[in-house]
Amino acid sequence: MGDFENRDREEVFSKKVRAGKRTYFFDVKATRSNDYYITVTESKKRLEDGVFVKHKIFLYKEDFEKFAEGLKDTIDYIKANQEVVEKRYEYSEVTEVVKESDDFSFDSL
């Protein structure tokens, strides 16, 4: 039952990041003793049935420094060894732009 109670705790802070097909949620929550911890949730919609699949990690304050260092080292490695694409265009984003341009009318000229 303790795990269930932790899931229902109100967030102290929340940040939503949309990244292509995925959305990431960075939430700060408090334990019963009022120690903060972070949950990072990846949410992605499955195309075949429209269900959102979520993956979550819990990061406790005693691990922040080592986690941040490991993440920075990993990102630095990728940036040094492979071109990083900042923006990937999804099919739905491209079709929305095309739909907007279809609304053009010569009557306004």
PDB file of N, CA and C in Angstrom:
ATOM      1  N   MET A   1       0.812  -1.202   0.000  1.00  0.00           N
ATOM      2  CA  MET A   1       0.000   0.000   0.000  1.00  0.00           C
ATOM      3  C   MET A   1       0.851   1.260   0.000  1.00  0.00           C
ATOM      4  N   GLY A   2       2.051   1.209   0.542  1.00  0.00           N
ATOM      5  CA  GLY A   2       2.941   2.358   0.577  1.00  0.00           C
ATOM      6  C   GLY A   2       3.284   2.863  -0.809  1.00  0.00           C
ATOM      7  N   ASP A   3       3.522   1.940  -1.770  1.00  0.00           N
ATOM      8  CA  ASP A   3       3.823   2.352  -3.131  1.00  0.00           C
ATOM      9  C   ASP A   3       2.650   3.093  -3.749  1.00  0.00           C
ATOM     10  N   PHE A   4       1.447   2.622  -3.485  1.00  0.00           N
ATOM     11  CA  PHE A   4       0.256   3.255  -4.029  1.00  0.00           C
ATOM     12  C   PHE A   4       0.125   4.694  -3.522  1.00  0.00           C
ATOM     13  N   GLU A   5       0.385   4.893  -2.233  1.00  0.00           N
ATOM     14  CA  GLU A   5       0.296   6.228  -1.654  1.00  0.00           C
ATOM     15  C   GLU A   5       1.319   7.166  -2.289  1.00  0.00           C
ATOM     16  N   ASN A   6       2.529   6.687  -2.561  1.00  0.00           N
ATOM     17  CA  ASN A   6       3.564   7.513  -3.177  1.00  0.00           C
ATOM     18  C   ASN A   6       3.165   7.948  -4.581  1.00  0.00           C
ATOM     19  N   ARG A   7       2.482   7.084  -5.323  1.00  0.00           N
ATOM     20  CA  ARG A   7       2.075   7.429  -6.682  1.00  0.00           C
ATOM     21  C   ARG A   7       1.047   8.551  -6.685  1.00  0.00           C
ATOM     22  N   ASP A   8       0.251   8.635  -5.645  1.00  0.00           N
ATOM     23  CA  ASP A   8      -0.803   9.635  -5.589  1.00  0.00           C
ATOM     24  C   ASP A   8      -0.353  10.965  -4.980  1.00  0.00           C
ATOM     25  N   ARG A   9       0.887  11.078  -4.574  1.00  0.00           N
ATOM     26  CA  ARG A   9       1.361  12.323  -3.974  1.00  0.00           C
ATOM     27  C   ARG A   9       1.328  13.444  -5.012  1.00  0.00           C
ATOM     28  N   GLU A  10       0.995  14.609  -4.562  1.00  0.00           N
ATOM     29  CA  GLU A  10       0.943  15.766  -5.434  1.00  0.00           C
ATOM     30  C   GLU A  10       2.353  16.224  -5.779  1.00  0.00           C
ATOM     31  N   GLU A  11       2.562  16.623  -7.026  1.00  0.00           N
ATOM     32  CA  GLU A  11       3.870  17.085  -7.440  1.00  0.00           C
ATOM     33  C   GLU A  11       4.187  18.434  -6.816  1.00  0.00           C
ATOM     34  N   VAL A  12       5.456  18.598  -6.424  1.00  0.00           N
ATOM     35  CA  VAL A  12       5.948  19.871  -5.916  1.00  0.00           C
ATOM     36  C   VAL A  12       6.291  20.763  -7.107  1.00  0.00           C
ATOM     37  N   PHE A  13       6.778  20.135  -8.187  1.00  0.00           N
ATOM     38  CA  PHE A  13       7.156  20.829  -9.413  1.00  0.00           C
ATOM     39  C   PHE A  13       6.992  19.845 -10.552  1.00  0.00           C
ATOM     40  N   SER A  14       6.605  20.342 -11.734  1.00  0.00           N
ATOM     41  CA  SER A  14       6.464  19.464 -12.885  1.00  0.00           C
ATOM     42  C   SER A  14       6.868  20.199 -14.150  1.00  0.00           C
ATOM     43  N   LYS A  15       7.582  19.498 -15.019  1.00  0.00           N
ATOM     44  CA  LYS A  15       8.015  20.055 -16.308  1.00  0.00           C
ATOM     45  C   LYS A  15       7.707  19.028 -17.389  1.00  0.00           C
ATOM     46  N   LYS A  16       6.974  19.454 -18.419  1.00  0.00           N
ATOM     47  CA  LYS A  16       6.600  18.589 -19.539  1.00  0.00           C
ATOM     48  C   LYS A  16       7.447  18.972 -20.742  1.00  0.00           C
ATOM     49  N   VAL A  17       8.060  17.974 -21.398  1.00  0.00           N
ATOM     50  CA  VAL A  17       8.906  18.227 -22.564  1.00  0.00           C
ATOM     51  C   VAL A  17       8.432  17.340 -23.705  1.00  0.00           C
ATOM     52  N   ARG A  18       7.953  17.963 -24.772  1.00  0.00           N
ATOM     53  CA  ARG A  18       7.557  17.214 -25.964  1.00  0.00           C
ATOM     54  C   ARG A  18       8.787  17.076 -26.852  1.00  0.00           C
ATOM     55  N   ALA A  19       9.035  15.850 -27.303  1.00  0.00           N
ATOM     56  CA  ALA A  19      10.210  15.567 -28.125  1.00  0.00           C
ATOM     57  C   ALA A  19       9.820  14.566 -29.202  1.00  0.00           C
ATOM     58  N   GLY A  20       9.311  15.071 -30.318  1.00  0.00           N
ATOM     59  CA  GLY A  20       8.894  14.190 -31.404  1.00  0.00           C
ATOM     60  C   GLY A  20       7.720  13.322 -30.991  1.00  0.00           C
ATOM     61  N   LYS A  21       7.893  12.008 -31.117  1.00  0.00           N
ATOM     62  CA  LYS A  21       6.817  11.062 -30.790  1.00  0.00           C
ATOM     63  C   LYS A  21       6.677  10.846 -29.291  1.00  0.00           C
ATOM     64  N   ARG A  22       7.643  11.321 -28.536  1.00  0.00           N
ATOM     65  CA  ARG A  22       7.641  11.077 -27.088  1.00  0.00           C
ATOM     66  C   ARG A  22       7.373  12.357 -26.314  1.00  0.00           C
ATOM     67  N   THR A  23       6.829  12.169 -25.125  1.00  0.00           N
ATOM     68  CA  THR A  23       6.694  13.272 -24.175  1.00  0.00           C
ATOM     69  C   THR A  23       7.361  12.811 -22.893  1.00  0.00           C
ATOM     70  N   TYR A  24       8.161  13.705 -22.304  1.00  0.00           N
ATOM     71  CA  TYR A  24       8.846  13.409 -21.046  1.00  0.00           C
ATOM     72  C   TYR A  24       8.258  14.298 -19.961  1.00  0.00           C
ATOM     73  N   PHE A  25       8.061  13.717 -18.786  1.00  0.00           N
ATOM     74  CA  PHE A  25       7.572  14.453 -17.629  1.00  0.00           C
ATOM     75  C   PHE A  25       8.642  14.363 -16.544  1.00  0.00           C
ATOM     76  N   PHE A  26       9.079  15.506 -16.061  1.00  0.00           N
ATOM     77  CA  PHE A  26      10.034  15.586 -14.966  1.00  0.00           C
ATOM     78  C   PHE A  26       9.253  16.120 -13.766  1.00  0.00           C
ATOM     79  N   ASP A  27       9.025  15.282 -12.784  1.00  0.00           N
ATOM     80  CA  ASP A  27       8.211  15.660 -11.632  1.00  0.00           C
ATOM     81  C   ASP A  27       9.036  15.589 -10.351  1.00  0.00           C
ATOM     82  N   VAL A  28       8.896  16.619  -9.523  1.00  0.00           N
ATOM     83  CA  VAL A  28       9.498  16.610  -8.189  1.00  0.00           C
ATOM     84  C   VAL A  28       8.391  16.278  -7.214  1.00  0.00           C
ATOM     85  N   LYS A  29       8.638  15.260  -6.394  1.00  0.00           N
ATOM     86  CA  LYS A  29       7.673  14.842  -5.377  1.00  0.00           C
ATOM     87  C   LYS A  29       8.372  14.808  -4.030  1.00  0.00           C
ATOM     88  N   ALA A  30       7.595  14.691  -2.964  1.00  0.00           N
ATOM     89  CA  ALA A  30       8.160  14.656  -1.610  1.00  0.00           C
ATOM     90  C   ALA A  30       7.812  13.333  -0.940  1.00  0.00           C
ATOM     91  N   THR A  31       8.775  12.807  -0.187  1.00  0.00           N
ATOM     92  CA  THR A  31       8.522  11.609   0.612  1.00  0.00           C
ATOM     93  C   THR A  31       7.739  12.023   1.853  1.00  0.00           C
ATOM     94  N   ARG A  32       7.363  11.043   2.661  1.00  0.00           N
ATOM     95  CA  ARG A  32       6.659  11.354   3.915  1.00  0.00           C
ATOM     96  C   ARG A  32       7.494  12.241   4.826  1.00  0.00           C
ATOM     97  N   SER A  33       8.822  12.078   4.761  1.00  0.00           N
ATOM     98  CA  SER A  33       9.706  12.907   5.596  1.00  0.00           C
ATOM     99  C   SER A  33      10.090  14.213   4.890  1.00  0.00           C
ATOM    100  N   ASN A  34       9.373  14.534   3.815  1.00  0.00           N
ATOM    101  CA  ASN A  34       9.538  15.772   3.059  1.00  0.00           C
ATOM    102  C   ASN A  34      10.883  15.886   2.336  1.00  0.00           C
ATOM    103  N   ASP A  35      11.502  14.755   1.994  1.00  0.00           N
ATOM    104  CA  ASP A  35      12.682  14.750   1.123  1.00  0.00           C
ATOM    105  C   ASP A  35      12.193  14.702  -0.314  1.00  0.00           C
ATOM    106  N   TYR A  36      12.778  15.531  -1.154  1.00  0.00           N
ATOM    107  CA  TYR A  36      12.377  15.556  -2.557  1.00  0.00           C
ATOM    108  C   TYR A  36      13.061  14.444  -3.343  1.00  0.00           C
ATOM    109  N   TYR A  37      12.334  13.965  -4.358  1.00  0.00           N
ATOM    110  CA  TYR A  37      12.896  13.030  -5.327  1.00  0.00           C
ATOM    111  C   TYR A  37      12.276  13.355  -6.680  1.00  0.00           C
ATOM    112  N   ILE A  38      12.863  12.813  -7.736  1.00  0.00           N
ATOM    113  CA  ILE A  38      12.422  13.103  -9.097  1.00  0.00           C
ATOM    114  C   ILE A  38      11.871  11.830  -9.723  1.00  0.00           C
ATOM    115  N   THR A  39      10.775  11.976 -10.448  1.00  0.00           N
ATOM    116  CA  THR A  39      10.333  10.901 -11.328  1.00  0.00           C
ATOM    117  C   THR A  39      10.465  11.421 -12.751  1.00  0.00           C
ATOM    118  N   VAL A  40      11.041  10.605 -13.609  1.00  0.00           N
ATOM    119  CA  VAL A  40      11.144  10.926 -15.034  1.00  0.00           C
ATOM    120  C   VAL A  40      10.284   9.899 -15.749  1.00  0.00           C
ATOM    121  N   THR A  41       9.280  10.384 -16.480  1.00  0.00           N
ATOM    122  CA  THR A  41       8.363   9.494 -17.181  1.00  0.00           C
ATOM    123  C   THR A  41       8.448   9.763 -18.668  1.00  0.00           C
ATOM    124  N   GLU A  42       8.640   8.690 -19.446  1.00  0.00           N
ATOM    125  CA  GLU A  42       8.584   8.769 -20.899  1.00  0.00           C
ATOM    126  C   GLU A  42       7.223   8.232 -21.308  1.00  0.00           C
ATOM    127  N   SER A  43       6.507   8.981 -22.130  1.00  0.00           N
ATOM    128  CA  SER A  43       5.197   8.565 -22.604  1.00  0.00           C
ATOM    129  C   SER A  43       5.203   8.584 -24.129  1.00  0.00           C
ATOM    130  N   LYS A  44       4.760   7.479 -24.722  1.00  0.00           N
ATOM    131  CA  LYS A  44       4.736   7.369 -26.183  1.00  0.00           C
ATOM    132  C   LYS A  44       3.456   6.664 -26.587  1.00  0.00           C
ATOM    133  N   LYS A  45       2.776   7.213 -27.588  1.00  0.00           N
ATOM    134  CA  LYS A  45       1.525   6.628 -28.065  1.00  0.00           C
ATOM    135  C   LYS A  45       1.822   5.519 -29.070  1.00  0.00           C
ATOM    136  N   ARG A  46       1.262   4.323 -28.802  1.00  0.00           N
ATOM    137  CA  ARG A  46       1.403   3.209 -29.740  1.00  0.00           C
ATOM    138  C   ARG A  46       0.490   3.456 -30.927  1.00  0.00           C
ATOM    139  N   LEU A  47       1.026   3.356 -32.121  1.00  0.00           N
ATOM    140  CA  LEU A  47       0.252   3.627 -33.325  1.00  0.00           C
ATOM    141  C   LEU A  47      -0.843   2.595 -33.570  1.00  0.00           C
ATOM    142  N   GLU A  48      -0.572   1.332 -33.245  1.00  0.00           N
ATOM    143  CA  GLU A  48      -1.529   0.280 -33.582  1.00  0.00           C
ATOM    144  C   GLU A  48      -2.829   0.346 -32.796  1.00  0.00           C
ATOM    145  N   ASP A  49      -2.797   0.852 -31.545  1.00  0.00           N
ATOM    146  CA  ASP A  49      -4.039   0.882 -30.772  1.00  0.00           C
ATOM    147  C   ASP A  49      -4.286   2.215 -30.055  1.00  0.00           C
ATOM    148  N   GLY A  50      -3.375   3.178 -30.207  1.00  0.00           N
ATOM    149  CA  GLY A  50      -3.566   4.492 -29.614  1.00  0.00           C
ATOM    150  C   GLY A  50      -3.356   4.558 -28.108  1.00  0.00           C
ATOM    151  N   VAL A  51      -2.871   3.471 -27.516  1.00  0.00           N
ATOM    152  CA  VAL A  51      -2.629   3.427 -26.072  1.00  0.00           C
ATOM    153  C   VAL A  51      -1.286   4.078 -25.763  1.00  0.00           C
ATOM    154  N   PHE A  52      -1.241   4.865 -24.683  1.00  0.00           N
ATOM    155  CA  PHE A  52       0.010   5.486 -24.267  1.00  0.00           C
ATOM    156  C   PHE A  52       0.795   4.499 -23.403  1.00  0.00           C
ATOM    157  N   VAL A  53       2.041   4.261 -23.789  1.00  0.00           N
ATOM    158  CA  VAL A  53       2.942   3.397 -23.039  1.00  0.00           C
ATOM    159  C   VAL A  53       3.867   4.297 -22.239  1.00  0.00           C
ATOM    160  N   LYS A  54       3.989   4.015 -20.942  1.00  0.00           N
ATOM    161  CA  LYS A  54       4.804   4.865 -20.072  1.00  0.00           C
ATOM    162  C   LYS A  54       5.909   4.060 -19.413  1.00  0.00           C
ATOM    163  N   HIS A  55       7.068   4.698 -19.320  1.00  0.00           N
ATOM    164  CA  HIS A  55       8.202   4.134 -18.590  1.00  0.00           C
ATOM    165  C   HIS A  55       8.642   5.186 -17.580  1.00  0.00           C
ATOM    166  N   LYS A  56       8.926   4.751 -16.373  1.00  0.00           N
ATOM    167  CA  LYS A  56       9.227   5.707 -15.306  1.00  0.00           C
ATOM    168  C   LYS A  56      10.465   5.278 -14.544  1.00  0.00           C
ATOM    169  N   ILE A  57      11.289   6.275 -14.161  1.00  0.00           N
ATOM    170  CA  ILE A  57      12.392   6.021 -13.244  1.00  0.00           C
ATOM    171  C   ILE A  57      12.254   6.968 -12.059  1.00  0.00           C
ATOM    172  N   PHE A  58      12.732   6.519 -10.928  1.00  0.00           N
ATOM    173  CA  PHE A  58      12.740   7.322  -9.712  1.00  0.00           C
ATOM    174  C   PHE A  58      14.190   7.677  -9.417  1.00  0.00           C
ATOM    175  N   LEU A  59      14.442   8.936  -9.132  1.00  0.00           N
ATOM    176  CA  LEU A  59      15.797   9.397  -8.856  1.00  0.00           C
ATOM    177  C   LEU A  59      15.794  10.125  -7.516  1.00  0.00           C
ATOM    178  N   TYR A  60      16.562   9.579  -6.583  1.00  0.00           N
ATOM    179  CA  TYR A  60      16.603  10.134  -5.229  1.00  0.00           C
ATOM    180  C   TYR A  60      17.794  11.059  -5.073  1.00  0.00           C
ATOM    181  N   LYS A  61      17.655  12.055  -4.183  1.00  0.00           N
ATOM    182  CA  LYS A  61      18.622  13.142  -4.095  1.00  0.00           C
ATOM    183  C   LYS A  61      20.045  12.680  -3.845  1.00  0.00           C
ATOM    184  N   GLU A  62      20.232  11.561  -3.160  1.00  0.00           N
ATOM    185  CA  GLU A  62      21.597  11.085  -2.927  1.00  0.00           C
ATOM    186  C   GLU A  62      22.265  10.589  -4.213  1.00  0.00           C
ATOM    187  N   ASP A  63      21.464  10.408  -5.277  1.00  0.00           N
ATOM    188  CA  ASP A  63      21.993   9.942  -6.556  1.00  0.00           C
ATOM    189  C   ASP A  63      22.072  11.044  -7.612  1.00  0.00           C
ATOM    190  N   PHE A  64      21.576  12.258  -7.320  1.00  0.00           N
ATOM    191  CA  PHE A  64      21.512  13.324  -8.316  1.00  0.00           C
ATOM    192  C   PHE A  64      22.857  13.592  -8.980  1.00  0.00           C
ATOM    193  N   GLU A  65      23.898  13.783  -8.188  1.00  0.00           N
ATOM    194  CA  GLU A  65      25.204  14.171  -8.727  1.00  0.00           C
ATOM    195  C   GLU A  65      25.770  13.088  -9.659  1.00  0.00           C
ATOM    196  N   LYS A  66      25.764  11.852  -9.217  1.00  0.00           N
ATOM    197  CA  LYS A  66      26.307  10.768 -10.044  1.00  0.00           C
ATOM    198  C   LYS A  66      25.448  10.538 -11.286  1.00  0.00           C
ATOM    199  N   PHE A  67      24.131  10.652 -11.155  1.00  0.00           N
ATOM    200  CA  PHE A  67      23.243  10.495 -12.303  1.00  0.00           C
ATOM    201  C   PHE A  67      23.506  11.597 -13.333  1.00  0.00           C
ATOM    202  N   ALA A  68      23.575  12.849 -12.869  1.00  0.00           N
ATOM    203  CA  ALA A  68      23.822  13.979 -13.765  1.00  0.00           C
ATOM    204  C   ALA A  68      25.178  13.837 -14.458  1.00  0.00           C
ATOM    205  N   GLU A  69      26.182  13.402 -13.714  1.00  0.00           N
ATOM    206  CA  GLU A  69      27.520  13.203 -14.286  1.00  0.00           C
ATOM    207  C   GLU A  69      27.490  12.110 -15.363  1.00  0.00           C
ATOM    208  N   GLY A  70      26.819  10.999 -15.071  1.00  0.00           N
ATOM    209  CA  GLY A  70      26.708   9.917 -16.048  1.00  0.00           C
ATOM    210  C   GLY A  70      25.941  10.344 -17.290  1.00  0.00           C
ATOM    211  N   LEU A  71      24.865  11.085 -17.103  1.00  0.00           N
ATOM    212  CA  LEU A  71      24.075  11.579 -18.234  1.00  0.00           C
ATOM    213  C   LEU A  71      24.889  12.553 -19.076  1.00  0.00           C
ATOM    214  N   LYS A  72      25.598  13.472 -18.427  1.00  0.00           N
ATOM    215  CA  LYS A  72      26.437  14.439 -19.153  1.00  0.00           C
ATOM    216  C   LYS A  72      27.526  13.723 -19.943  1.00  0.00           C
ATOM    217  N   ASP A  73      28.212  12.764 -19.326  1.00  0.00           N
ATOM    218  CA  ASP A  73      29.265  12.006 -20.019  1.00  0.00           C
ATOM    219  C   ASP A  73      28.699  11.276 -21.236  1.00  0.00           C
ATOM    220  N   THR A  74      27.524  10.699 -21.092  1.00  0.00           N
ATOM    221  CA  THR A  74      26.899   9.958 -22.182  1.00  0.00           C
ATOM    222  C   THR A  74      26.520  10.888 -23.329  1.00  0.00           C
ATOM    223  N   ILE A  75      25.927  12.037 -23.019  1.00  0.00           N
ATOM    224  CA  ILE A  75      25.547  13.015 -24.047  1.00  0.00           C
ATOM    225  C   ILE A  75      26.793  13.574 -24.726  1.00  0.00           C
ATOM    226  N   ASP A  76      27.818  13.906 -23.950  1.00  0.00           N
ATOM    227  CA  ASP A  76      29.074  14.406 -24.519  1.00  0.00           C
ATOM    228  C   ASP A  76      29.691  13.391 -25.477  1.00  0.00           C
ATOM    229  N   TYR A  77      29.643  12.101 -25.124  1.00  0.00           N
ATOM    230  CA  TYR A  77      30.184  11.057 -25.989  1.00  0.00           C
ATOM    231  C   TYR A  77      29.446  11.041 -27.329  1.00  0.00           C
ATOM    232  N   ILE A  78      28.129  11.080 -27.279  1.00  0.00           N
ATOM    233  CA  ILE A  78      27.348  11.041 -28.514  1.00  0.00           C
ATOM    234  C   ILE A  78      27.623  12.281 -29.358  1.00  0.00           C
ATOM    235  N   LYS A  79      27.662  13.461 -28.741  1.00  0.00           N
ATOM    236  CA  LYS A  79      27.935  14.693 -29.484  1.00  0.00           C
ATOM    237  C   LYS A  79      29.311  14.666 -30.135  1.00  0.00           C
ATOM    238  N   ALA A  80      30.288  14.054 -29.483  1.00  0.00           N
ATOM    239  CA  ALA A  80      31.656  13.994 -30.010  1.00  0.00           C
ATOM    240  C   ALA A  80      31.813  12.941 -31.109  1.00  0.00           C
ATOM    241  N   ASN A  81      30.962  11.920 -31.099  1.00  0.00           N
ATOM    242  CA  ASN A  81      31.154  10.798 -32.009  1.00  0.00           C
ATOM    243  C   ASN A  81      30.091  10.634 -33.085  1.00  0.00           C
ATOM    244  N   GLN A  82      29.043  11.429 -33.011  1.00  0.00           N
ATOM    245  CA  GLN A  82      27.980  11.305 -34.003  1.00  0.00           C
ATOM    246  C   GLN A  82      27.205  12.609 -34.060  1.00  0.00           C
ATOM    247  N   GLU A  83      26.815  12.989 -35.275  1.00  0.00           N
ATOM    248  CA  GLU A  83      26.030  14.208 -35.425  1.00  0.00           C
ATOM    249  C   GLU A  83      24.701  14.058 -34.691  1.00  0.00           C
ATOM    250  N   VAL A  84      24.368  15.057 -33.894  1.00  0.00           N
ATOM    251  CA  VAL A  84      23.107  15.038 -33.150  1.00  0.00           C
ATOM    252  C   VAL A  84      22.095  15.862 -33.926  1.00  0.00           C
ATOM    253  N   VAL A  85      20.966  15.252 -34.235  1.00  0.00           N
ATOM    254  CA  VAL A  85      19.894  15.940 -34.935  1.00  0.00           C
ATOM    255  C   VAL A  85      19.003  16.574 -33.876  1.00  0.00           C
ATOM    256  N   GLU A  86      18.913  17.900 -33.903  1.00  0.00           N
ATOM    257  CA  GLU A  86      18.127  18.609 -32.885  1.00  0.00           C
ATOM    258  C   GLU A  86      16.631  18.405 -33.061  1.00  0.00           C
ATOM    259  N   LYS A  87      16.162  18.333 -34.296  1.00  0.00           N
ATOM    260  CA  LYS A  87      14.729  18.237 -34.544  1.00  0.00           C
ATOM    261  C   LYS A  87      14.487  17.182 -35.613  1.00  0.00           C
ATOM    262  N   ARG A  88      13.669  16.212 -35.298  1.00  0.00           N
ATOM    263  CA  ARG A  88      13.243  15.226 -36.275  1.00  0.00           C
ATOM    264  C   ARG A  88      11.794  15.531 -36.609  1.00  0.00           C
ATOM    265  N   TYR A  89      11.497  15.590 -37.895  1.00  0.00           N
ATOM    266  CA  TYR A  89      10.144  15.910 -38.299  1.00  0.00           C
ATOM    267  C   TYR A  89       9.312  14.644 -38.374  1.00  0.00           C
ATOM    268  N   GLU A  90       8.203  14.674 -37.718  1.00  0.00           N
ATOM    269  CA  GLU A  90       7.284  13.542 -37.713  1.00  0.00           C
ATOM    270  C   GLU A  90       6.305  13.711 -38.861  1.00  0.00           C
ATOM    271  N   TYR A  91       5.776  12.613 -39.332  1.00  0.00           N
ATOM    272  CA  TYR A  91       4.830  12.625 -40.437  1.00  0.00           C
ATOM    273  C   TYR A  91       3.658  13.556 -40.154  1.00  0.00           C
ATOM    274  N   SER A  92       3.120  13.501 -38.953  1.00  0.00           N
ATOM    275  CA  SER A  92       1.947  14.310 -38.618  1.00  0.00           C
ATOM    276  C   SER A  92       2.268  15.801 -38.649  1.00  0.00           C
ATOM    277  N   GLU A  93       3.495  16.185 -38.251  1.00  0.00           N
ATOM    278  CA  GLU A  93       3.874  17.595 -38.283  1.00  0.00           C
ATOM    279  C   GLU A  93       3.972  18.093 -39.718  1.00  0.00           C
ATOM    280  N   VAL A  94       4.517  17.270 -40.613  1.00  0.00           N
ATOM    281  CA  VAL A  94       4.664  17.655 -42.012  1.00  0.00           C
ATOM    282  C   VAL A  94       3.301  17.789 -42.657  1.00  0.00           C
ATOM    283  N   THR A  95       2.390  16.866 -42.420  1.00  0.00           N
ATOM    284  CA  THR A  95       1.074  16.927 -43.044  1.00  0.00           C
ATOM    285  C   THR A  95       0.273  18.110 -42.527  1.00  0.00           C
ATOM    286  N   GLU A  96       0.466  18.519 -41.268  1.00  0.00           N
ATOM    287  CA  GLU A  96      -0.248  19.681 -40.753  1.00  0.00           C
ATOM    288  C   GLU A  96       0.180  20.944 -41.486  1.00  0.00           C
ATOM    289  N   VAL A  97       1.463  21.072 -41.794  1.00  0.00           N
ATOM    290  CA  VAL A  97       1.960  22.236 -42.528  1.00  0.00           C
ATOM    291  C   VAL A  97       1.354  22.248 -43.927  1.00  0.00           C
ATOM    292  N   VAL A  98       1.289  21.106 -44.583  1.00  0.00           N
ATOM    293  CA  VAL A  98       0.715  21.007 -45.918  1.00  0.00           C
ATOM    294  C   VAL A  98      -0.752  21.393 -45.883  1.00  0.00           C
ATOM    295  N   LYS A  99      -1.491  20.944 -44.887  1.00  0.00           N
ATOM    296  CA  LYS A  99      -2.912  21.276 -44.773  1.00  0.00           C
ATOM    297  C   LYS A  99      -3.108  22.779 -44.632  1.00  0.00           C
ATOM    298  N   GLU A 100      -2.251  23.432 -43.845  1.00  0.00           N
ATOM    299  CA  GLU A 100      -2.371  24.878 -43.667  1.00  0.00           C
ATOM    300  C   GLU A 100      -2.146  25.604 -44.979  1.00  0.00           C
ATOM    301  N   SER A 101      -1.183  25.149 -45.789  1.00  0.00           N
ATOM    302  CA  SER A 101      -0.891  25.824 -47.045  1.00  0.00           C
ATOM    303  C   SER A 101      -1.998  25.588 -48.072  1.00  0.00           C
ATOM    304  N   ASP A 102      -2.780  24.524 -47.929  1.00  0.00           N
ATOM    305  CA  ASP A 102      -3.895  24.260 -48.836  1.00  0.00           C
ATOM    306  C   ASP A 102      -5.016  25.285 -48.673  1.00  0.00           C
ATOM    307  N   ASP A 103      -5.027  26.025 -47.573  1.00  0.00           N
ATOM    308  CA  ASP A 103      -6.086  26.996 -47.321  1.00  0.00           C
ATOM    309  C   ASP A 103      -5.838  28.325 -48.021  1.00  0.00           C
ATOM    310  N   PHE A 104      -4.765  28.442 -48.764  1.00  0.00           N
ATOM    311  CA  PHE A 104      -4.431  29.696 -49.441  1.00  0.00           C
ATOM    312  C   PHE A 104      -5.476  30.004 -50.507  1.00  0.00           C
ATOM    313  N   SER A 105      -5.819  31.286 -50.632  1.00  0.00           N
ATOM    314  CA  SER A 105      -6.808  31.696 -51.619  1.00  0.00           C
ATOM    315  C   SER A 105      -6.254  32.857 -52.437  1.00  0.00           C
ATOM    316  N   PHE A 106      -6.456  32.794 -53.756  1.00  0.00           N
ATOM    317  CA  PHE A 106      -6.022  33.875 -54.630  1.00  0.00           C
ATOM    318  C   PHE A 106      -6.978  35.062 -54.560  1.00  0.00           C
ATOM    319  N   ASP A 107      -8.146  34.887 -53.960  1.00  0.00           N
ATOM    320  CA  ASP A 107      -9.132  35.956 -53.860  1.00  0.00           C
ATOM    321  C   ASP A 107      -8.608  37.138 -53.043  1.00  0.00           C
ATOM    322  N   SER A 108      -7.684  36.873 -52.123  1.00  0.00           N
ATOM    323  CA  SER A 108      -7.177  37.939 -51.265  1.00  0.00           C
ATOM    324  C   SER A 108      -6.149  38.808 -51.965  1.00  0.00           C
ATOM    325  N   LEU A 109      -5.716  38.434 -53.170  1.00  0.00           N
ATOM    326  CA  LEU A 109      -4.704  39.219 -53.892  1.00  0.00           C
ATOM    327  C   LEU A 109      -5.286  40.339 -54.646  1.00  0.00           C
TER     328      LEU A 109
END
